[in-house]
Amino acid sequence: MDRFAALSDPNRRRIIEIIAASGEIAASDISRQFEISAPAISQHLKILREANLVNTEKRAQQRIYSLNPQGVDEMWEWLTQMRAYWNQRLDTLEALLTKEHTPKKDK
């Protein structure tokens, strides 16, 4: 699944925030922080795993979640590229508008 599509859901964004704040956290501990069912949280976690945004490790009977730095870094790189692109475009527009609105001196 596309990473940005995975983060389009507010519950999944909240799950990412919880995992980021915790470092590592059990699925059951994530589930306790929501008013939706544990199976629904499990589905959200599955989508985040498929999008490579989280890592999972099985410890005894628990699944422990952590952020996948590589997945997050790839999103960050794309966002950085888009920001640079739009900054350049907006700087060009600003220069053009400034030039057009500068009073011309008569010779």
PDB file of N, CA and C in Angstrom:
ATOM      1  N   MET A   1       0.843  -1.180   0.000  1.00  0.00           N
ATOM      2  CA  MET A   1       0.000   0.000   0.000  1.00  0.00           C
ATOM      3  C   MET A   1       0.890   1.244   0.000  1.00  0.00           C
ATOM      4  N   ASP A   2       0.412   2.264  -0.653  1.00  0.00           N
ATOM      5  CA  ASP A   2       1.102   3.542  -0.693  1.00  0.00           C
ATOM      6  C   ASP A   2       1.175   4.126   0.718  1.00  0.00           C
ATOM      7  N   ARG A   3       2.326   4.646   1.069  1.00  0.00           N
ATOM      8  CA  ARG A   3       2.525   5.167   2.426  1.00  0.00           C
ATOM      9  C   ARG A   3       1.602   6.344   2.732  1.00  0.00           C
ATOM     10  N   PHE A   4       1.433   7.225   1.767  1.00  0.00           N
ATOM     11  CA  PHE A   4       0.576   8.385   2.010  1.00  0.00           C
ATOM     12  C   PHE A   4      -0.885   7.960   2.138  1.00  0.00           C
ATOM     13  N   ALA A   5      -1.293   6.971   1.366  1.00  0.00           N
ATOM     14  CA  ALA A   5      -2.663   6.451   1.498  1.00  0.00           C
ATOM     15  C   ALA A   5      -2.844   5.807   2.872  1.00  0.00           C
ATOM     16  N   ALA A   6      -1.814   5.118   3.338  1.00  0.00           N
ATOM     17  CA  ALA A   6      -1.893   4.492   4.663  1.00  0.00           C
ATOM     18  C   ALA A   6      -2.082   5.538   5.749  1.00  0.00           C
ATOM     19  N   LEU A   7      -1.480   6.695   5.561  1.00  0.00           N
ATOM     20  CA  LEU A   7      -1.577   7.756   6.573  1.00  0.00           C
ATOM     21  C   LEU A   7      -2.789   8.663   6.366  1.00  0.00           C
ATOM     22  N   SER A   8      -3.619   8.358   5.383  1.00  0.00           N
ATOM     23  CA  SER A   8      -4.799   9.193   5.149  1.00  0.00           C
ATOM     24  C   SER A   8      -5.856   9.010   6.227  1.00  0.00           C
ATOM     25  N   ASP A   9      -5.778   7.921   6.951  1.00  0.00           N
ATOM     26  CA  ASP A   9      -6.748   7.650   8.012  1.00  0.00           C
ATOM     27  C   ASP A   9      -6.264   8.249   9.335  1.00  0.00           C
ATOM     28  N   PRO A  10      -7.120   9.012  10.014  1.00  0.00           N
ATOM     29  CA  PRO A  10      -6.688   9.638  11.271  1.00  0.00           C
ATOM     30  C   PRO A  10      -6.314   8.631  12.364  1.00  0.00           C
ATOM     31  N   ASN A  11      -6.954   7.471  12.391  1.00  0.00           N
ATOM     32  CA  ASN A  11      -6.588   6.456  13.390  1.00  0.00           C
ATOM     33  C   ASN A  11      -5.175   5.946  13.149  1.00  0.00           C
ATOM     34  N   ARG A  12      -4.830   5.749  11.884  1.00  0.00           N
ATOM     35  CA  ARG A  12      -3.479   5.265  11.580  1.00  0.00           C
ATOM     36  C   ARG A  12      -2.438   6.332  11.874  1.00  0.00           C
ATOM     37  N   ARG A  13      -2.760   7.591  11.611  1.00  0.00           N
ATOM     38  CA  ARG A  13      -1.816   8.657  11.972  1.00  0.00           C
ATOM     39  C   ARG A  13      -1.610   8.680  13.482  1.00  0.00           C
ATOM     40  N   ARG A  14      -2.686   8.508  14.234  1.00  0.00           N
ATOM     41  CA  ARG A  14      -2.584   8.486  15.699  1.00  0.00           C
ATOM     42  C   ARG A  14      -1.751   7.285  16.157  1.00  0.00           C
ATOM     43  N   ILE A  15      -1.934   6.150  15.520  1.00  0.00           N
ATOM     44  CA  ILE A  15      -1.142   4.959  15.859  1.00  0.00           C
ATOM     45  C   ILE A  15       0.340   5.243  15.636  1.00  0.00           C
ATOM     46  N   ILE A  16       0.673   5.876  14.516  1.00  0.00           N
ATOM     47  CA  ILE A  16       2.073   6.230  14.240  1.00  0.00           C
ATOM     48  C   ILE A  16       2.603   7.150  15.326  1.00  0.00           C
ATOM     49  N   GLU A  17       1.798   8.127  15.743  1.00  0.00           N
ATOM     50  CA  GLU A  17       2.222   9.039  16.808  1.00  0.00           C
ATOM     51  C   GLU A  17       2.483   8.284  18.111  1.00  0.00           C
ATOM     52  N   ILE A  18       1.618   7.343  18.433  1.00  0.00           N
ATOM     53  CA  ILE A  18       1.771   6.552  19.659  1.00  0.00           C
ATOM     54  C   ILE A  18       3.052   5.720  19.599  1.00  0.00           C
ATOM     55  N   ILE A  19       3.278   5.074  18.460  1.00  0.00           N
ATOM     56  CA  ILE A  19       4.476   4.243  18.306  1.00  0.00           C
ATOM     57  C   ILE A  19       5.729   5.119  18.379  1.00  0.00           C
ATOM     58  N   ALA A  20       5.697   6.265  17.723  1.00  0.00           N
ATOM     59  CA  ALA A  20       6.858   7.161  17.733  1.00  0.00           C
ATOM     60  C   ALA A  20       7.172   7.625  19.152  1.00  0.00           C
ATOM     61  N   ALA A  21       6.145   7.942  19.916  1.00  0.00           N
ATOM     62  CA  ALA A  21       6.354   8.419  21.288  1.00  0.00           C
ATOM     63  C   ALA A  21       6.855   7.306  22.197  1.00  0.00           C
ATOM     64  N   SER A  22       6.483   6.070  21.901  1.00  0.00           N
ATOM     65  CA  SER A  22       6.838   4.939  22.759  1.00  0.00           C
ATOM     66  C   SER A  22       8.159   4.276  22.384  1.00  0.00           C
ATOM     67  N   GLY A  23       8.538   4.395  21.149  1.00  0.00           N
ATOM     68  CA  GLY A  23       9.713   3.661  20.677  1.00  0.00           C
ATOM     69  C   GLY A  23       9.320   2.263  20.266  1.00  0.00           C
ATOM     70  N   GLU A  24       8.890   1.482  21.223  1.00  0.00           N
ATOM     71  CA  GLU A  24       8.354   0.135  20.992  1.00  0.00           C
ATOM     72  C   GLU A  24       7.117  -0.007  21.847  1.00  0.00           C
ATOM     73  N   ILE A  25       6.091  -0.637  21.290  1.00  0.00           N
ATOM     74  CA  ILE A  25       4.843  -0.789  22.043  1.00  0.00           C
ATOM     75  C   ILE A  25       4.090  -2.007  21.539  1.00  0.00           C
ATOM     76  N   ALA A  26       3.449  -2.694  22.462  1.00  0.00           N
ATOM     77  CA  ALA A  26       2.655  -3.872  22.126  1.00  0.00           C
ATOM     78  C   ALA A  26       1.341  -3.447  21.479  1.00  0.00           C
ATOM     79  N   ALA A  27       0.850  -4.286  20.582  1.00  0.00           N
ATOM     80  CA  ALA A  27      -0.418  -4.009  19.906  1.00  0.00           C
ATOM     81  C   ALA A  27      -1.545  -3.812  20.923  1.00  0.00           C
ATOM     82  N   SER A  28      -1.536  -4.595  21.975  1.00  0.00           N
ATOM     83  CA  SER A  28      -2.590  -4.475  22.992  1.00  0.00           C
ATOM     84  C   SER A  28      -2.540  -3.119  23.688  1.00  0.00           C
ATOM     85  N   ASP A  29      -1.336  -2.587  23.890  1.00  0.00           N
ATOM     86  CA  ASP A  29      -1.206  -1.264  24.512  1.00  0.00           C
ATOM     87  C   ASP A  29      -1.664  -0.154  23.564  1.00  0.00           C
ATOM     88  N   ILE A  30      -1.444  -0.360  22.276  1.00  0.00           N
ATOM     89  CA  ILE A  30      -1.956   0.600  21.290  1.00  0.00           C
ATOM     90  C   ILE A  30      -3.473   0.573  21.317  1.00  0.00           C
ATOM     91  N   SER A  31      -4.027  -0.617  21.295  1.00  0.00           N
ATOM     92  CA  SER A  31      -5.480  -0.792  21.245  1.00  0.00           C
ATOM     93  C   SER A  31      -6.182  -0.135  22.430  1.00  0.00           C
ATOM     94  N   ARG A  32      -5.564  -0.183  23.593  1.00  0.00           N
ATOM     95  CA  ARG A  32      -6.168   0.403  24.797  1.00  0.00           C
ATOM     96  C   ARG A  32      -6.345   1.924  24.696  1.00  0.00           C
ATOM     97  N   GLN A  33      -5.633   2.546  23.793  1.00  0.00           N
ATOM     98  CA  GLN A  33      -5.688   4.001  23.669  1.00  0.00           C
ATOM     99  C   GLN A  33      -6.766   4.474  22.686  1.00  0.00           C
ATOM    100  N   PHE A  34      -7.572   3.541  22.201  1.00  0.00           N
ATOM    101  CA  PHE A  34      -8.626   3.859  21.245  1.00  0.00           C
ATOM    102  C   PHE A  34      -9.970   3.345  21.742  1.00  0.00           C
ATOM    103  N   GLU A  35     -11.015   3.939  21.227  1.00  0.00           N
ATOM    104  CA  GLU A  35     -12.364   3.482  21.548  1.00  0.00           C
ATOM    105  C   GLU A  35     -12.923   2.581  20.459  1.00  0.00           C
ATOM    106  N   ILE A  36     -12.070   2.133  19.553  1.00  0.00           N
ATOM    107  CA  ILE A  36     -12.503   1.193  18.527  1.00  0.00           C
ATOM    108  C   ILE A  36     -12.007  -0.193  18.910  1.00  0.00           C
ATOM    109  N   SER A  37     -12.543  -1.197  18.260  1.00  0.00           N
ATOM    110  CA  SER A  37     -12.249  -2.580  18.645  1.00  0.00           C
ATOM    111  C   SER A  37     -10.797  -2.966  18.364  1.00  0.00           C
ATOM    112  N   ALA A  38     -10.339  -3.963  19.095  1.00  0.00           N
ATOM    113  CA  ALA A  38      -8.985  -4.491  18.892  1.00  0.00           C
ATOM    114  C   ALA A  38      -8.811  -5.037  17.473  1.00  0.00           C
ATOM    115  N   PRO A  39      -9.817  -5.744  16.901  1.00  0.00           N
ATOM    116  CA  PRO A  39      -9.656  -6.193  15.509  1.00  0.00           C
ATOM    117  C   PRO A  39      -9.513  -5.022  14.522  1.00  0.00           C
ATOM    118  N   ALA A  40     -10.188  -3.914  14.789  1.00  0.00           N
ATOM    119  CA  ALA A  40     -10.045  -2.734  13.916  1.00  0.00           C
ATOM    120  C   ALA A  40      -8.627  -2.182  14.014  1.00  0.00           C
ATOM    121  N   ILE A  41      -8.084  -2.118  15.227  1.00  0.00           N
ATOM    122  CA  ILE A  41      -6.705  -1.661  15.410  1.00  0.00           C
ATOM    123  C   ILE A  41      -5.752  -2.617  14.700  1.00  0.00           C
ATOM    124  N   SER A  42      -6.022  -3.890  14.795  1.00  0.00           N
ATOM    125  CA  SER A  42      -5.197  -4.893  14.124  1.00  0.00           C
ATOM    126  C   SER A  42      -5.184  -4.658  12.615  1.00  0.00           C
ATOM    127  N   GLN A  43      -6.317  -4.314  12.042  1.00  0.00           N
ATOM    128  CA  GLN A  43      -6.382  -4.023  10.602  1.00  0.00           C
ATOM    129  C   GLN A  43      -5.575  -2.763  10.258  1.00  0.00           C
ATOM    130  N   HIS A  44      -5.684  -1.760  11.100  1.00  0.00           N
ATOM    131  CA  HIS A  44      -4.899  -0.541  10.877  1.00  0.00           C
ATOM    132  C   HIS A  44      -3.401  -0.850  10.943  1.00  0.00           C
ATOM    133  N   LEU A  45      -3.002  -1.660  11.906  1.00  0.00           N
ATOM    134  CA  LEU A  45      -1.590  -2.042  12.038  1.00  0.00           C
ATOM    135  C   LEU A  45      -1.124  -2.845  10.821  1.00  0.00           C
ATOM    136  N   LYS A  46      -1.993  -3.683  10.308  1.00  0.00           N
ATOM    137  CA  LYS A  46      -1.667  -4.463   9.112  1.00  0.00           C
ATOM    138  C   LYS A  46      -1.390  -3.531   7.932  1.00  0.00           C
ATOM    139  N   ILE A  47      -2.214  -2.532   7.761  1.00  0.00           N
ATOM    140  CA  ILE A  47      -2.025  -1.571   6.667  1.00  0.00           C
ATOM    141  C   ILE A  47      -0.716  -0.816   6.843  1.00  0.00           C
ATOM    142  N   LEU A  48      -0.410  -0.423   8.065  1.00  0.00           N
ATOM    143  CA  LEU A  48       0.851   0.282   8.333  1.00  0.00           C
ATOM    144  C   LEU A  48       2.062  -0.620   8.074  1.00  0.00           C
ATOM    145  N   ARG A  49       1.936  -1.914   8.393  1.00  0.00           N
ATOM    146  CA  ARG A  49       3.011  -2.878   8.090  1.00  0.00           C
ATOM    147  C   ARG A  49       3.190  -3.016   6.580  1.00  0.00           C
ATOM    148  N   GLU A  50       2.076  -3.170   5.858  1.00  0.00           N
ATOM    149  CA  GLU A  50       2.133  -3.337   4.403  1.00  0.00           C
ATOM    150  C   GLU A  50       2.722  -2.105   3.720  1.00  0.00           C
ATOM    151  N   ALA A  51       2.528  -0.947   4.322  1.00  0.00           N
ATOM    152  CA  ALA A  51       3.080   0.292   3.774  1.00  0.00           C
ATOM    153  C   ALA A  51       4.533   0.507   4.212  1.00  0.00           C
ATOM    154  N   ASN A  52       5.073  -0.425   4.964  1.00  0.00           N
ATOM    155  CA  ASN A  52       6.460  -0.349   5.467  1.00  0.00           C
ATOM    156  C   ASN A  52       6.696   0.846   6.375  1.00  0.00           C
ATOM    157  N   LEU A  53       5.679   1.245   7.106  1.00  0.00           N
ATOM    158  CA  LEU A  53       5.828   2.353   8.044  1.00  0.00           C
ATOM    159  C   LEU A  53       6.153   1.872   9.456  1.00  0.00           C
ATOM    160  N   VAL A  54       5.820   0.628   9.749  1.00  0.00           N
ATOM    161  CA  VAL A  54       6.116   0.070  11.067  1.00  0.00           C
ATOM    162  C   VAL A  54       6.770  -1.292  10.915  1.00  0.00           C
ATOM    163  N   ASN A  55       7.555  -1.634  11.913  1.00  0.00           N
ATOM    164  CA  ASN A  55       8.145  -2.970  12.029  1.00  0.00           C
ATOM    165  C   ASN A  55       7.409  -3.694  13.139  1.00  0.00           C
ATOM    166  N   THR A  56       7.378  -4.997  13.039  1.00  0.00           N
ATOM    167  CA  THR A  56       6.764  -5.795  14.094  1.00  0.00           C
ATOM    168  C   THR A  56       7.711  -6.914  14.496  1.00  0.00           C
ATOM    169  N   GLU A  57       7.662  -7.224  15.773  1.00  0.00           N
ATOM    170  CA  GLU A  57       8.488  -8.297  16.327  1.00  0.00           C
ATOM    171  C   GLU A  57       7.593  -9.099  17.263  1.00  0.00           C
ATOM    172  N   LYS A  58       7.635 -10.404  17.125  1.00  0.00           N
ATOM    173  CA  LYS A  58       6.838 -11.241  18.012  1.00  0.00           C
ATOM    174  C   LYS A  58       7.671 -11.585  19.243  1.00  0.00           C
ATOM    175  N   ARG A  59       7.131 -11.237  20.409  1.00  0.00           N
ATOM    176  CA  ARG A  59       7.766 -11.574  21.686  1.00  0.00           C
ATOM    177  C   ARG A  59       6.738 -12.329  22.513  1.00  0.00           C
ATOM    178  N   ALA A  60       7.021 -13.594  22.714  1.00  0.00           N
ATOM    179  CA  ALA A  60       6.076 -14.473  23.425  1.00  0.00           C
ATOM    180  C   ALA A  60       4.723 -14.378  22.725  1.00  0.00           C
ATOM    181  N   GLN A  61       3.701 -13.943  23.432  1.00  0.00           N
ATOM    182  CA  GLN A  61       2.356 -13.851  22.853  1.00  0.00           C
ATOM    183  C   GLN A  61       2.030 -12.448  22.327  1.00  0.00           C
ATOM    184  N   GLN A  62       2.994 -11.558  22.371  1.00  0.00           N
ATOM    185  CA  GLN A  62       2.736 -10.182  21.964  1.00  0.00           C
ATOM    186  C   GLN A  62       3.414  -9.848  20.647  1.00  0.00           C
ATOM    187  N   ARG A  63       2.805  -8.895  19.961  1.00  0.00           N
ATOM    188  CA  ARG A  63       3.434  -8.290  18.790  1.00  0.00           C
ATOM    189  C   ARG A  63       3.855  -6.889  19.193  1.00  0.00           C
ATOM    190  N   ILE A  64       5.142  -6.633  19.052  1.00  0.00           N
ATOM    191  CA  ILE A  64       5.716  -5.344  19.442  1.00  0.00           C
ATOM    192  C   ILE A  64       5.948  -4.525  18.167  1.00  0.00           C
ATOM    193  N   TYR A  65       5.470  -3.288  18.189  1.00  0.00           N
ATOM    194  CA  TYR A  65       5.579  -2.406  17.028  1.00  0.00           C
ATOM    195  C   TYR A  65       6.584  -1.291  17.283  1.00  0.00           C
ATOM    196  N   SER A  66       7.288  -0.946  16.219  1.00  0.00           N
ATOM    197  CA  SER A  66       8.200   0.205  16.221  1.00  0.00           C
ATOM    198  C   SER A  66       8.120   0.838  14.833  1.00  0.00           C
ATOM    199  N   LEU A  67       8.560   2.089  14.756  1.00  0.00           N
ATOM    200  CA  LEU A  67       8.574   2.755  13.456  1.00  0.00           C
ATOM    201  C   LEU A  67       9.647   2.143  12.569  1.00  0.00           C
ATOM    202  N   ASN A  68       9.378   2.101  11.286  1.00  0.00           N
ATOM    203  CA  ASN A  68      10.376   1.673  10.316  1.00  0.00           C
ATOM    204  C   ASN A  68      11.056   2.941   9.799  1.00  0.00           C
ATOM    205  N   PRO A  69      12.272   3.221  10.257  1.00  0.00           N
ATOM    206  CA  PRO A  69      12.938   4.465   9.858  1.00  0.00           C
ATOM    207  C   PRO A  69      13.101   4.600   8.345  1.00  0.00           C
ATOM    208  N   GLN A  70      13.333   3.497   7.657  1.00  0.00           N
ATOM    209  CA  GLN A  70      13.524   3.550   6.208  1.00  0.00           C
ATOM    210  C   GLN A  70      12.240   4.034   5.512  1.00  0.00           C
ATOM    211  N   GLY A  71      11.104   3.511   5.923  1.00  0.00           N
ATOM    212  CA  GLY A  71       9.834   3.928   5.328  1.00  0.00           C
ATOM    213  C   GLY A  71       9.547   5.388   5.579  1.00  0.00           C
ATOM    214  N   VAL A  72       9.812   5.838   6.790  1.00  0.00           N
ATOM    215  CA  VAL A  72       9.592   7.242   7.147  1.00  0.00           C
ATOM    216  C   VAL A  72      10.575   8.127   6.390  1.00  0.00           C
ATOM    217  N   ASP A  73      11.835   7.699   6.283  1.00  0.00           N
ATOM    218  CA  ASP A  73      12.850   8.476   5.570  1.00  0.00           C
ATOM    219  C   ASP A  73      12.498   8.652   4.093  1.00  0.00           C
ATOM    220  N   GLU A  74      11.970   7.595   3.474  1.00  0.00           N
ATOM    221  CA  GLU A  74      11.591   7.693   2.065  1.00  0.00           C
ATOM    222  C   GLU A  74      10.471   8.723   1.870  1.00  0.00           C
ATOM    223  N   MET A  75       9.529   8.773   2.794  1.00  0.00           N
ATOM    224  CA  MET A  75       8.466   9.778   2.720  1.00  0.00           C
ATOM    225  C   MET A  75       9.068  11.169   2.902  1.00  0.00           C
ATOM    226  N   TRP A  76       9.959  11.294   3.868  1.00  0.00           N
ATOM    227  CA  TRP A  76      10.588  12.580   4.150  1.00  0.00           C
ATOM    228  C   TRP A  76      11.364  13.086   2.928  1.00  0.00           C
ATOM    229  N   GLU A  77      12.092  12.190   2.261  1.00  0.00           N
ATOM    230  CA  GLU A  77      12.849  12.573   1.071  1.00  0.00           C
ATOM    231  C   GLU A  77      11.911  13.087  -0.021  1.00  0.00           C
ATOM    232  N   TRP A  78      10.810  12.405  -0.239  1.00  0.00           N
ATOM    233  CA  TRP A  78       9.852  12.834  -1.255  1.00  0.00           C
ATOM    234  C   TRP A  78       9.272  14.201  -0.893  1.00  0.00           C
ATOM    235  N   LEU A  79       8.895  14.371   0.370  1.00  0.00           N
ATOM    236  CA  LEU A  79       8.351  15.661   0.812  1.00  0.00           C
ATOM    237  C   LEU A  79       9.377  16.777   0.657  1.00  0.00           C
ATOM    238  N   THR A  80      10.628  16.490   0.943  1.00  0.00           N
ATOM    239  CA  THR A  80      11.689  17.478   0.794  1.00  0.00           C
ATOM    240  C   THR A  80      11.837  17.882  -0.673  1.00  0.00           C
ATOM    241  N   GLN A  81      11.782  16.920  -1.575  1.00  0.00           N
ATOM    242  CA  GLN A  81      11.856  17.215  -3.005  1.00  0.00           C
ATOM    243  C   GLN A  81      10.678  18.083  -3.441  1.00  0.00           C
ATOM    244  N   MET A  82       9.492  17.749  -2.980  1.00  0.00           N
ATOM    245  CA  MET A  82       8.304  18.526  -3.348  1.00  0.00           C
ATOM    246  C   MET A  82       8.379  19.949  -2.777  1.00  0.00           C
ATOM    247  N   ARG A  83       8.889  20.062  -1.588  1.00  0.00           N
ATOM    248  CA  ARG A  83       9.021  21.382  -0.974  1.00  0.00           C
ATOM    249  C   ARG A  83      10.008  22.239  -1.772  1.00  0.00           C
ATOM    250  N   ALA A  84      11.136  21.665  -2.157  1.00  0.00           N
ATOM    251  CA  ALA A  84      12.127  22.398  -2.955  1.00  0.00           C
ATOM    252  C   ALA A  84      11.521  22.812  -4.295  1.00  0.00           C
ATOM    253  N   TYR A  85      10.782  21.905  -4.922  1.00  0.00           N
ATOM    254  CA  TYR A  85      10.147  22.197  -6.202  1.00  0.00           C
ATOM    255  C   TYR A  85       9.187  23.381  -6.067  1.00  0.00           C
ATOM    256  N   TRP A  86       8.316  23.325  -5.072  1.00  0.00           N
ATOM    257  CA  TRP A  86       7.319  24.391  -4.919  1.00  0.00           C
ATOM    258  C   TRP A  86       7.952  25.694  -4.441  1.00  0.00           C
ATOM    259  N   ASN A  87       8.988  25.620  -3.623  1.00  0.00           N
ATOM    260  CA  ASN A  87       9.690  26.848  -3.226  1.00  0.00           C
ATOM    261  C   ASN A  87      10.279  27.545  -4.441  1.00  0.00           C
ATOM    262  N   GLN A  88      10.877  26.777  -5.335  1.00  0.00           N
ATOM    263  CA  GLN A  88      11.459  27.353  -6.542  1.00  0.00           C
ATOM    264  C   GLN A  88      10.368  27.966  -7.412  1.00  0.00           C
ATOM    265  N   ARG A  89       9.268  27.260  -7.577  1.00  0.00           N
ATOM    266  CA  ARG A  89       8.165  27.774  -8.403  1.00  0.00           C
ATOM    267  C   ARG A  89       7.593  29.058  -7.804  1.00  0.00           C
ATOM    268  N   LEU A  90       7.413  29.067  -6.506  1.00  0.00           N
ATOM    269  CA  LEU A  90       6.857  30.260  -5.855  1.00  0.00           C
ATOM    270  C   LEU A  90       7.838  31.418  -5.869  1.00  0.00           C
ATOM    271  N   ASP A  91       9.131  31.143  -5.744  1.00  0.00           N
ATOM    272  CA  ASP A  91      10.142  32.202  -5.848  1.00  0.00           C
ATOM    273  C   ASP A  91      10.119  32.826  -7.242  1.00  0.00           C
ATOM    274  N   THR A  92       9.961  31.985  -8.268  1.00  0.00           N
ATOM    275  CA  THR A  92       9.879  32.481  -9.640  1.00  0.00           C
ATOM    276  C   THR A  92       8.638  33.359  -9.818  1.00  0.00           C
ATOM    277  N   LEU A  93       7.516  32.913  -9.283  1.00  0.00           N
ATOM    278  CA  LEU A  93       6.283  33.695  -9.355  1.00  0.00           C
ATOM    279  C   LEU A  93       6.439  35.027  -8.630  1.00  0.00           C
ATOM    280  N   GLU A  94       7.044  34.998  -7.452  1.00  0.00           N
ATOM    281  CA  GLU A  94       7.245  36.226  -6.682  1.00  0.00           C
ATOM    282  C   GLU A  94       8.118  37.221  -7.460  1.00  0.00           C
ATOM    283  N   ALA A  95       9.171  36.720  -8.084  1.00  0.00           N
ATOM    284  CA  ALA A  95      10.049  37.593  -8.868  1.00  0.00           C
ATOM    285  C   ALA A  95       9.287  38.210 -10.034  1.00  0.00           C
ATOM    286  N   LEU A  96       8.474  37.431 -10.702  1.00  0.00           N
ATOM    287  CA  LEU A  96       7.679  37.932 -11.818  1.00  0.00           C
ATOM    288  C   LEU A  96       6.685  38.990 -11.355  1.00  0.00           C
ATOM    289  N   LEU A  97       5.989  38.734 -10.270  1.00  0.00           N
ATOM    290  CA  LEU A  97       5.015  39.695  -9.754  1.00  0.00           C
ATOM    291  C   LEU A  97       5.693  40.984  -9.292  1.00  0.00           C
ATOM    292  N   THR A  98       6.837  40.854  -8.665  1.00  0.00           N
ATOM    293  CA  THR A  98       7.584  42.030  -8.219  1.00  0.00           C
ATOM    294  C   THR A  98       7.994  42.864  -9.427  1.00  0.00           C
ATOM    295  N   LYS A  99       8.467  42.190 -10.463  1.00  0.00           N
ATOM    296  CA  LYS A  99       8.890  42.885 -11.678  1.00  0.00           C
ATOM    297  C   LYS A  99       7.712  43.595 -12.337  1.00  0.00           C
ATOM    298  N   GLU A 100       6.564  42.950 -12.387  1.00  0.00           N
ATOM    299  CA  GLU A 100       5.389  43.548 -13.022  1.00  0.00           C
ATOM    300  C   GLU A 100       4.812  44.706 -12.229  1.00  0.00           C
ATOM    301  N   HIS A 101       4.967  44.709 -10.939  1.00  0.00           N
ATOM    302  CA  HIS A 101       4.401  45.755 -10.100  1.00  0.00           C
ATOM    303  C   HIS A 101       5.382  46.876  -9.770  1.00  0.00           C
ATOM    304  N   THR A 102       6.604  46.739 -10.259  1.00  0.00           N
ATOM    305  CA  THR A 102       7.588  47.803 -10.036  1.00  0.00           C
ATOM    306  C   THR A 102       7.303  48.914 -11.056  1.00  0.00           C
ATOM    307  N   PRO A 103       7.107  50.150 -10.589  1.00  0.00           N
ATOM    308  CA  PRO A 103       6.835  51.244 -11.522  1.00  0.00           C
ATOM    309  C   PRO A 103       7.998  51.416 -12.501  1.00  0.00           C
ATOM    310  N   LYS A 104       7.641  51.595 -13.759  1.00  0.00           N
ATOM    311  CA  LYS A 104       8.663  51.789 -14.776  1.00  0.00           C
ATOM    312  C   LYS A 104       9.027  53.259 -14.840  1.00  0.00           C
ATOM    313  N   LYS A 105      10.302  53.519 -14.936  1.00  0.00           N
ATOM    314  CA  LYS A 105      10.786  54.904 -15.006  1.00  0.00           C
ATOM    315  C   LYS A 105      10.746  55.376 -16.461  1.00  0.00           C
ATOM    316  N   ASP A 106      10.243  56.580 -16.626  1.00  0.00           N
ATOM    317  CA  ASP A 106      10.215  57.171 -17.973  1.00  0.00           C
ATOM    318  C   ASP A 106      11.607  57.686 -18.313  1.00  0.00           C
ATOM    319  N   LYS A 107      11.964  57.550 -19.532  1.00  0.00           N
ATOM    320  CA  LYS A 107      13.285  58.017 -19.972  1.00  0.00           C
ATOM    321  C   LYS A 107      13.218  59.429 -20.468  1.00  0.00           C
TER     322      LYS A 107
END
